[in-house]
Amino acid sequence: MMQWYVLGYVYDAGTDGVRTTSLARDLDTTQAFITNIVNALEAKGFVSRSIDPSDSRAKKVVINQSKTEQVLQIEQELRQQMRTQLYSNISREDLVTYMRVTEKFSEKAD
Protein backbone atom coordinates (compact mmCIF):
# COMPACT_ATOMS: atom_id res chain seq x y z
CA MET A 1 0.00 0.00 0.00
CA MET A 2 2.86 2.38 0.76
CA GLN A 3 4.11 1.94 -2.79
CA TRP A 4 0.76 3.18 -3.99
CA TYR A 5 0.91 6.24 -1.70
CA VAL A 6 4.33 7.11 -3.04
CA LEU A 7 3.26 6.50 -6.63
CA GLY A 8 0.18 8.69 -6.19
CA TYR A 9 2.22 11.45 -4.57
CA VAL A 10 4.77 11.38 -7.39
CA TYR A 11 1.99 11.34 -9.99
CA ASP A 12 0.36 14.37 -8.36
CA ALA A 13 3.69 16.21 -8.48
CA GLY A 14 3.46 16.24 -12.27
CA THR A 15 6.32 16.47 -14.72
CA ASP A 16 8.53 18.35 -12.24
CA GLY A 17 8.60 15.34 -9.95
CA VAL A 18 9.25 15.43 -6.24
CA ARG A 19 12.34 15.19 -4.07
CA THR A 20 12.79 12.01 -2.10
CA THR A 21 13.32 14.12 1.02
CA SER A 22 9.91 15.72 0.48
CA LEU A 23 8.34 12.30 0.10
CA ALA A 24 9.85 11.15 3.40
CA ARG A 25 8.78 14.31 5.21
CA ASP A 26 5.26 14.53 3.80
CA LEU A 27 4.54 10.81 4.23
CA ASP A 28 6.06 10.92 7.71
CA THR A 29 8.61 8.19 7.20
CA THR A 30 12.36 7.79 6.88
CA GLN A 31 14.54 8.56 3.89
CA ALA A 32 15.76 4.95 3.89
CA PHE A 33 12.18 3.63 3.69
CA ILE A 34 11.36 5.99 0.79
CA THR A 35 14.54 4.91 -0.98
CA ASN A 36 13.43 1.26 -0.74
CA ILE A 37 9.95 2.09 -2.03
CA VAL A 38 11.32 4.16 -4.91
CA ASN A 39 13.77 1.36 -5.75
CA ALA A 40 10.85 -1.09 -5.98
CA LEU A 41 8.77 1.27 -8.12
CA GLU A 42 11.76 1.97 -10.35
CA ALA A 43 12.36 -1.78 -10.81
CA LYS A 44 8.72 -2.11 -11.93
CA GLY A 45 9.20 0.73 -14.42
CA PHE A 46 6.72 3.14 -12.80
CA VAL A 47 9.17 5.87 -11.80
CA SER A 48 12.62 7.14 -12.57
CA ARG A 49 15.06 9.27 -10.62
CA SER A 50 17.04 12.25 -11.74
CA ILE A 51 19.25 14.88 -10.18
CA ASP A 52 17.38 17.97 -9.04
CA PRO A 53 18.59 20.82 -11.30
CA SER A 54 18.43 23.27 -8.39
CA ASP A 55 20.56 21.06 -6.08
CA SER A 56 22.83 18.39 -7.51
CA ARG A 57 22.88 16.57 -4.16
CA ALA A 58 19.13 15.95 -4.26
CA LYS A 59 17.21 13.33 -6.23
CA LYS A 60 13.83 13.86 -7.83
CA VAL A 61 11.37 11.12 -8.69
CA VAL A 62 8.99 11.33 -11.67
CA ILE A 63 6.38 9.03 -13.17
CA ASN A 64 7.48 7.32 -16.35
CA GLN A 65 5.15 8.63 -19.04
CA SER A 66 4.68 5.13 -20.44
CA LYS A 67 2.98 4.14 -17.15
CA THR A 68 0.63 7.13 -16.78
CA GLU A 69 -2.42 5.31 -18.16
CA GLN A 70 -1.77 2.29 -15.96
CA VAL A 71 -1.44 4.51 -12.88
CA LEU A 72 -4.78 6.17 -13.67
CA GLN A 73 -6.47 2.81 -14.23
CA ILE A 74 -5.16 1.41 -10.93
CA GLU A 75 -6.28 4.58 -9.12
CA GLN A 76 -9.81 4.25 -10.49
CA GLU A 77 -9.98 0.58 -9.51
CA LEU A 78 -8.73 1.29 -5.99
CA ARG A 79 -11.23 4.10 -5.52
CA GLN A 80 -14.06 1.88 -6.67
CA GLN A 81 -12.97 -0.90 -4.30
CA MET A 82 -12.83 1.58 -1.42
CA ARG A 83 -16.32 2.85 -2.24
CA THR A 84 -17.82 -0.62 -2.31
CA GLN A 85 -15.88 -2.21 0.54
CA LEU A 86 -15.00 0.54 3.00
CA TYR A 87 -17.47 3.33 2.43
CA SER A 88 -20.57 1.38 1.46
CA ASN A 89 -22.44 2.41 4.62
CA ILE A 90 -20.93 5.90 5.01
CA SER A 91 -22.67 8.81 3.34
CA ARG A 92 -20.75 11.47 1.46
CA GLU A 93 -21.86 14.03 4.06
CA ASP A 94 -20.50 11.88 6.92
CA LEU A 95 -17.20 11.48 5.11
CA VAL A 96 -16.92 15.24 4.55
CA THR A 97 -17.64 15.84 8.25
CA TYR A 98 -14.99 13.28 9.22
CA MET A 99 -12.42 14.99 6.97
CA ARG A 100 -13.21 18.42 8.44
CA VAL A 101 -12.84 17.15 12.01
CA THR A 102 -9.60 15.36 11.17
CA GLU A 103 -8.26 18.55 9.62
CA LYS A 104 -9.14 20.52 12.77
CA PHE A 105 -7.28 17.97 14.93
CA SER A 106 -4.31 18.29 12.61
CA GLU A 107 -4.34 22.08 12.92
CA LYS A 108 -4.25 21.77 16.72
CA ALA A 109 -1.24 19.43 16.53
CA ASP A 110 0.82 21.92 14.52
C-alpha atoms as a PDB file:
ATOM      1  CA  MET A   1       0.000   0.000   0.000  1.00  0.00           C
ATOM      2  CA  MET A   2       2.857   2.380   0.762  1.00  0.00           C
ATOM      3  CA  GLN A   3       4.112   1.937  -2.794  1.00  0.00           C
ATOM      4  CA  TRP A   4       0.763   3.175  -3.988  1.00  0.00           C
ATOM      5  CA  TYR A   5       0.906   6.237  -1.700  1.00  0.00           C
ATOM      6  CA  VAL A   6       4.332   7.114  -3.038  1.00  0.00           C
ATOM      7  CA  LEU A   7       3.264   6.501  -6.627  1.00  0.00           C
ATOM      8  CA  GLY A   8       0.184   8.691  -6.191  1.00  0.00           C
ATOM      9  CA  TYR A   9       2.222  11.452  -4.572  1.00  0.00           C
ATOM     10  CA  VAL A  10       4.771  11.377  -7.395  1.00  0.00           C
ATOM     11  CA  TYR A  11       1.985  11.340  -9.989  1.00  0.00           C
ATOM     12  CA  ASP A  12       0.357  14.369  -8.361  1.00  0.00           C
ATOM     13  CA  ALA A  13       3.692  16.212  -8.480  1.00  0.00           C
ATOM     14  CA  GLY A  14       3.463  16.235 -12.272  1.00  0.00           C
ATOM     15  CA  THR A  15       6.324  16.469 -14.716  1.00  0.00           C
ATOM     16  CA  ASP A  16       8.534  18.348 -12.244  1.00  0.00           C
ATOM     17  CA  GLY A  17       8.599  15.337  -9.953  1.00  0.00           C
ATOM     18  CA  VAL A  18       9.247  15.428  -6.238  1.00  0.00           C
ATOM     19  CA  ARG A  19      12.343  15.191  -4.074  1.00  0.00           C
ATOM     20  CA  THR A  20      12.789  12.014  -2.097  1.00  0.00           C
ATOM     21  CA  THR A  21      13.323  14.119   1.025  1.00  0.00           C
ATOM     22  CA  SER A  22       9.908  15.724   0.478  1.00  0.00           C
ATOM     23  CA  LEU A  23       8.340  12.295   0.105  1.00  0.00           C
ATOM     24  CA  ALA A  24       9.845  11.153   3.398  1.00  0.00           C
ATOM     25  CA  ARG A  25       8.775  14.307   5.205  1.00  0.00           C
ATOM     26  CA  ASP A  26       5.258  14.528   3.799  1.00  0.00           C
ATOM     27  CA  LEU A  27       4.544  10.814   4.231  1.00  0.00           C
ATOM     28  CA  ASP A  28       6.063  10.921   7.715  1.00  0.00           C
ATOM     29  CA  THR A  29       8.614   8.195   7.200  1.00  0.00           C
ATOM     30  CA  THR A  30      12.361   7.790   6.877  1.00  0.00           C
ATOM     31  CA  GLN A  31      14.538   8.557   3.889  1.00  0.00           C
ATOM     32  CA  ALA A  32      15.760   4.949   3.885  1.00  0.00           C
ATOM     33  CA  PHE A  33      12.177   3.631   3.686  1.00  0.00           C
ATOM     34  CA  ILE A  34      11.361   5.986   0.795  1.00  0.00           C
ATOM     35  CA  THR A  35      14.540   4.906  -0.981  1.00  0.00           C
ATOM     36  CA  ASN A  36      13.433   1.263  -0.745  1.00  0.00           C
ATOM     37  CA  ILE A  37       9.949   2.091  -2.030  1.00  0.00           C
ATOM     38  CA  VAL A  38      11.317   4.156  -4.914  1.00  0.00           C
ATOM     39  CA  ASN A  39      13.771   1.356  -5.753  1.00  0.00           C
ATOM     40  CA  ALA A  40      10.854  -1.090  -5.983  1.00  0.00           C
ATOM     41  CA  LEU A  41       8.768   1.269  -8.121  1.00  0.00           C
ATOM     42  CA  GLU A  42      11.760   1.974 -10.355  1.00  0.00           C
ATOM     43  CA  ALA A  43      12.362  -1.777 -10.812  1.00  0.00           C
ATOM     44  CA  LYS A  44       8.717  -2.114 -11.928  1.00  0.00           C
ATOM     45  CA  GLY A  45       9.197   0.731 -14.418  1.00  0.00           C
ATOM     46  CA  PHE A  46       6.722   3.137 -12.801  1.00  0.00           C
ATOM     47  CA  VAL A  47       9.167   5.874 -11.801  1.00  0.00           C
ATOM     48  CA  SER A  48      12.621   7.142 -12.571  1.00  0.00           C
ATOM     49  CA  ARG A  49      15.058   9.268 -10.620  1.00  0.00           C
ATOM     50  CA  SER A  50      17.038  12.250 -11.742  1.00  0.00           C
ATOM     51  CA  ILE A  51      19.248  14.879 -10.183  1.00  0.00           C
ATOM     52  CA  ASP A  52      17.379  17.972  -9.041  1.00  0.00           C
ATOM     53  CA  PRO A  53      18.594  20.819 -11.296  1.00  0.00           C
ATOM     54  CA  SER A  54      18.435  23.266  -8.386  1.00  0.00           C
ATOM     55  CA  ASP A  55      20.557  21.059  -6.080  1.00  0.00           C
ATOM     56  CA  SER A  56      22.829  18.387  -7.512  1.00  0.00           C
ATOM     57  CA  ARG A  57      22.879  16.569  -4.158  1.00  0.00           C
ATOM     58  CA  ALA A  58      19.129  15.949  -4.257  1.00  0.00           C
ATOM     59  CA  LYS A  59      17.213  13.330  -6.230  1.00  0.00           C
ATOM     60  CA  LYS A  60      13.832  13.858  -7.831  1.00  0.00           C
ATOM     61  CA  VAL A  61      11.367  11.118  -8.688  1.00  0.00           C
ATOM     62  CA  VAL A  62       8.995  11.330 -11.670  1.00  0.00           C
ATOM     63  CA  ILE A  63       6.378   9.033 -13.168  1.00  0.00           C
ATOM     64  CA  ASN A  64       7.476   7.317 -16.353  1.00  0.00           C
ATOM     65  CA  GLN A  65       5.155   8.630 -19.041  1.00  0.00           C
ATOM     66  CA  SER A  66       4.676   5.125 -20.441  1.00  0.00           C
ATOM     67  CA  LYS A  67       2.979   4.144 -17.152  1.00  0.00           C
ATOM     68  CA  THR A  68       0.627   7.126 -16.785  1.00  0.00           C
ATOM     69  CA  GLU A  69      -2.421   5.313 -18.158  1.00  0.00           C
ATOM     70  CA  GLN A  70      -1.770   2.291 -15.964  1.00  0.00           C
ATOM     71  CA  VAL A  71      -1.445   4.507 -12.883  1.00  0.00           C
ATOM     72  CA  LEU A  72      -4.782   6.173 -13.668  1.00  0.00           C
ATOM     73  CA  GLN A  73      -6.474   2.814 -14.231  1.00  0.00           C
ATOM     74  CA  ILE A  74      -5.164   1.413 -10.935  1.00  0.00           C
ATOM     75  CA  GLU A  75      -6.276   4.578  -9.124  1.00  0.00           C
ATOM     76  CA  GLN A  76      -9.812   4.250 -10.493  1.00  0.00           C
ATOM     77  CA  GLU A  77      -9.982   0.584  -9.514  1.00  0.00           C
ATOM     78  CA  LEU A  78      -8.727   1.293  -5.995  1.00  0.00           C
ATOM     79  CA  ARG A  79     -11.228   4.104  -5.518  1.00  0.00           C
ATOM     80  CA  GLN A  80     -14.060   1.875  -6.670  1.00  0.00           C
ATOM     81  CA  GLN A  81     -12.975  -0.897  -4.298  1.00  0.00           C
ATOM     82  CA  MET A  82     -12.826   1.581  -1.415  1.00  0.00           C
ATOM     83  CA  ARG A  83     -16.321   2.846  -2.244  1.00  0.00           C
ATOM     84  CA  THR A  84     -17.822  -0.624  -2.313  1.00  0.00           C
ATOM     85  CA  GLN A  85     -15.876  -2.209   0.536  1.00  0.00           C
ATOM     86  CA  LEU A  86     -15.000   0.542   3.001  1.00  0.00           C
ATOM     87  CA  TYR A  87     -17.472   3.332   2.427  1.00  0.00           C
ATOM     88  CA  SER A  88     -20.566   1.380   1.464  1.00  0.00           C
ATOM     89  CA  ASN A  89     -22.444   2.408   4.622  1.00  0.00           C
ATOM     90  CA  ILE A  90     -20.930   5.898   5.008  1.00  0.00           C
ATOM     91  CA  SER A  91     -22.669   8.807   3.336  1.00  0.00           C
ATOM     92  CA  ARG A  92     -20.746  11.473   1.456  1.00  0.00           C
ATOM     93  CA  GLU A  93     -21.856  14.027   4.058  1.00  0.00           C
ATOM     94  CA  ASP A  94     -20.503  11.881   6.918  1.00  0.00           C
ATOM     95  CA  LEU A  95     -17.205  11.477   5.110  1.00  0.00           C
ATOM     96  CA  VAL A  96     -16.918  15.241   4.554  1.00  0.00           C
ATOM     97  CA  THR A  97     -17.640  15.838   8.253  1.00  0.00           C
ATOM     98  CA  TYR A  98     -14.986  13.284   9.216  1.00  0.00           C
ATOM     99  CA  MET A  99     -12.418  14.991   6.973  1.00  0.00           C
ATOM    100  CA  ARG A 100     -13.211  18.419   8.444  1.00  0.00           C
ATOM    101  CA  VAL A 101     -12.844  17.153  12.014  1.00  0.00           C
ATOM    102  CA  THR A 102      -9.605  15.360  11.171  1.00  0.00           C
ATOM    103  CA  GLU A 103      -8.263  18.554   9.617  1.00  0.00           C
ATOM    104  CA  LYS A 104      -9.142  20.520  12.770  1.00  0.00           C
ATOM    105  CA  PHE A 105      -7.277  17.970  14.933  1.00  0.00           C
ATOM    106  CA  SER A 106      -4.315  18.285  12.614  1.00  0.00           C
ATOM    107  CA  GLU A 107      -4.339  22.082  12.917  1.00  0.00           C
ATOM    108  CA  LYS A 108      -4.250  21.766  16.721  1.00  0.00           C
ATOM    109  CA  ALA A 109      -1.240  19.427  16.533  1.00  0.00           C
ATOM    110  CA  ASP A 110       0.824  21.921  14.525  1.00  0.00           C
END
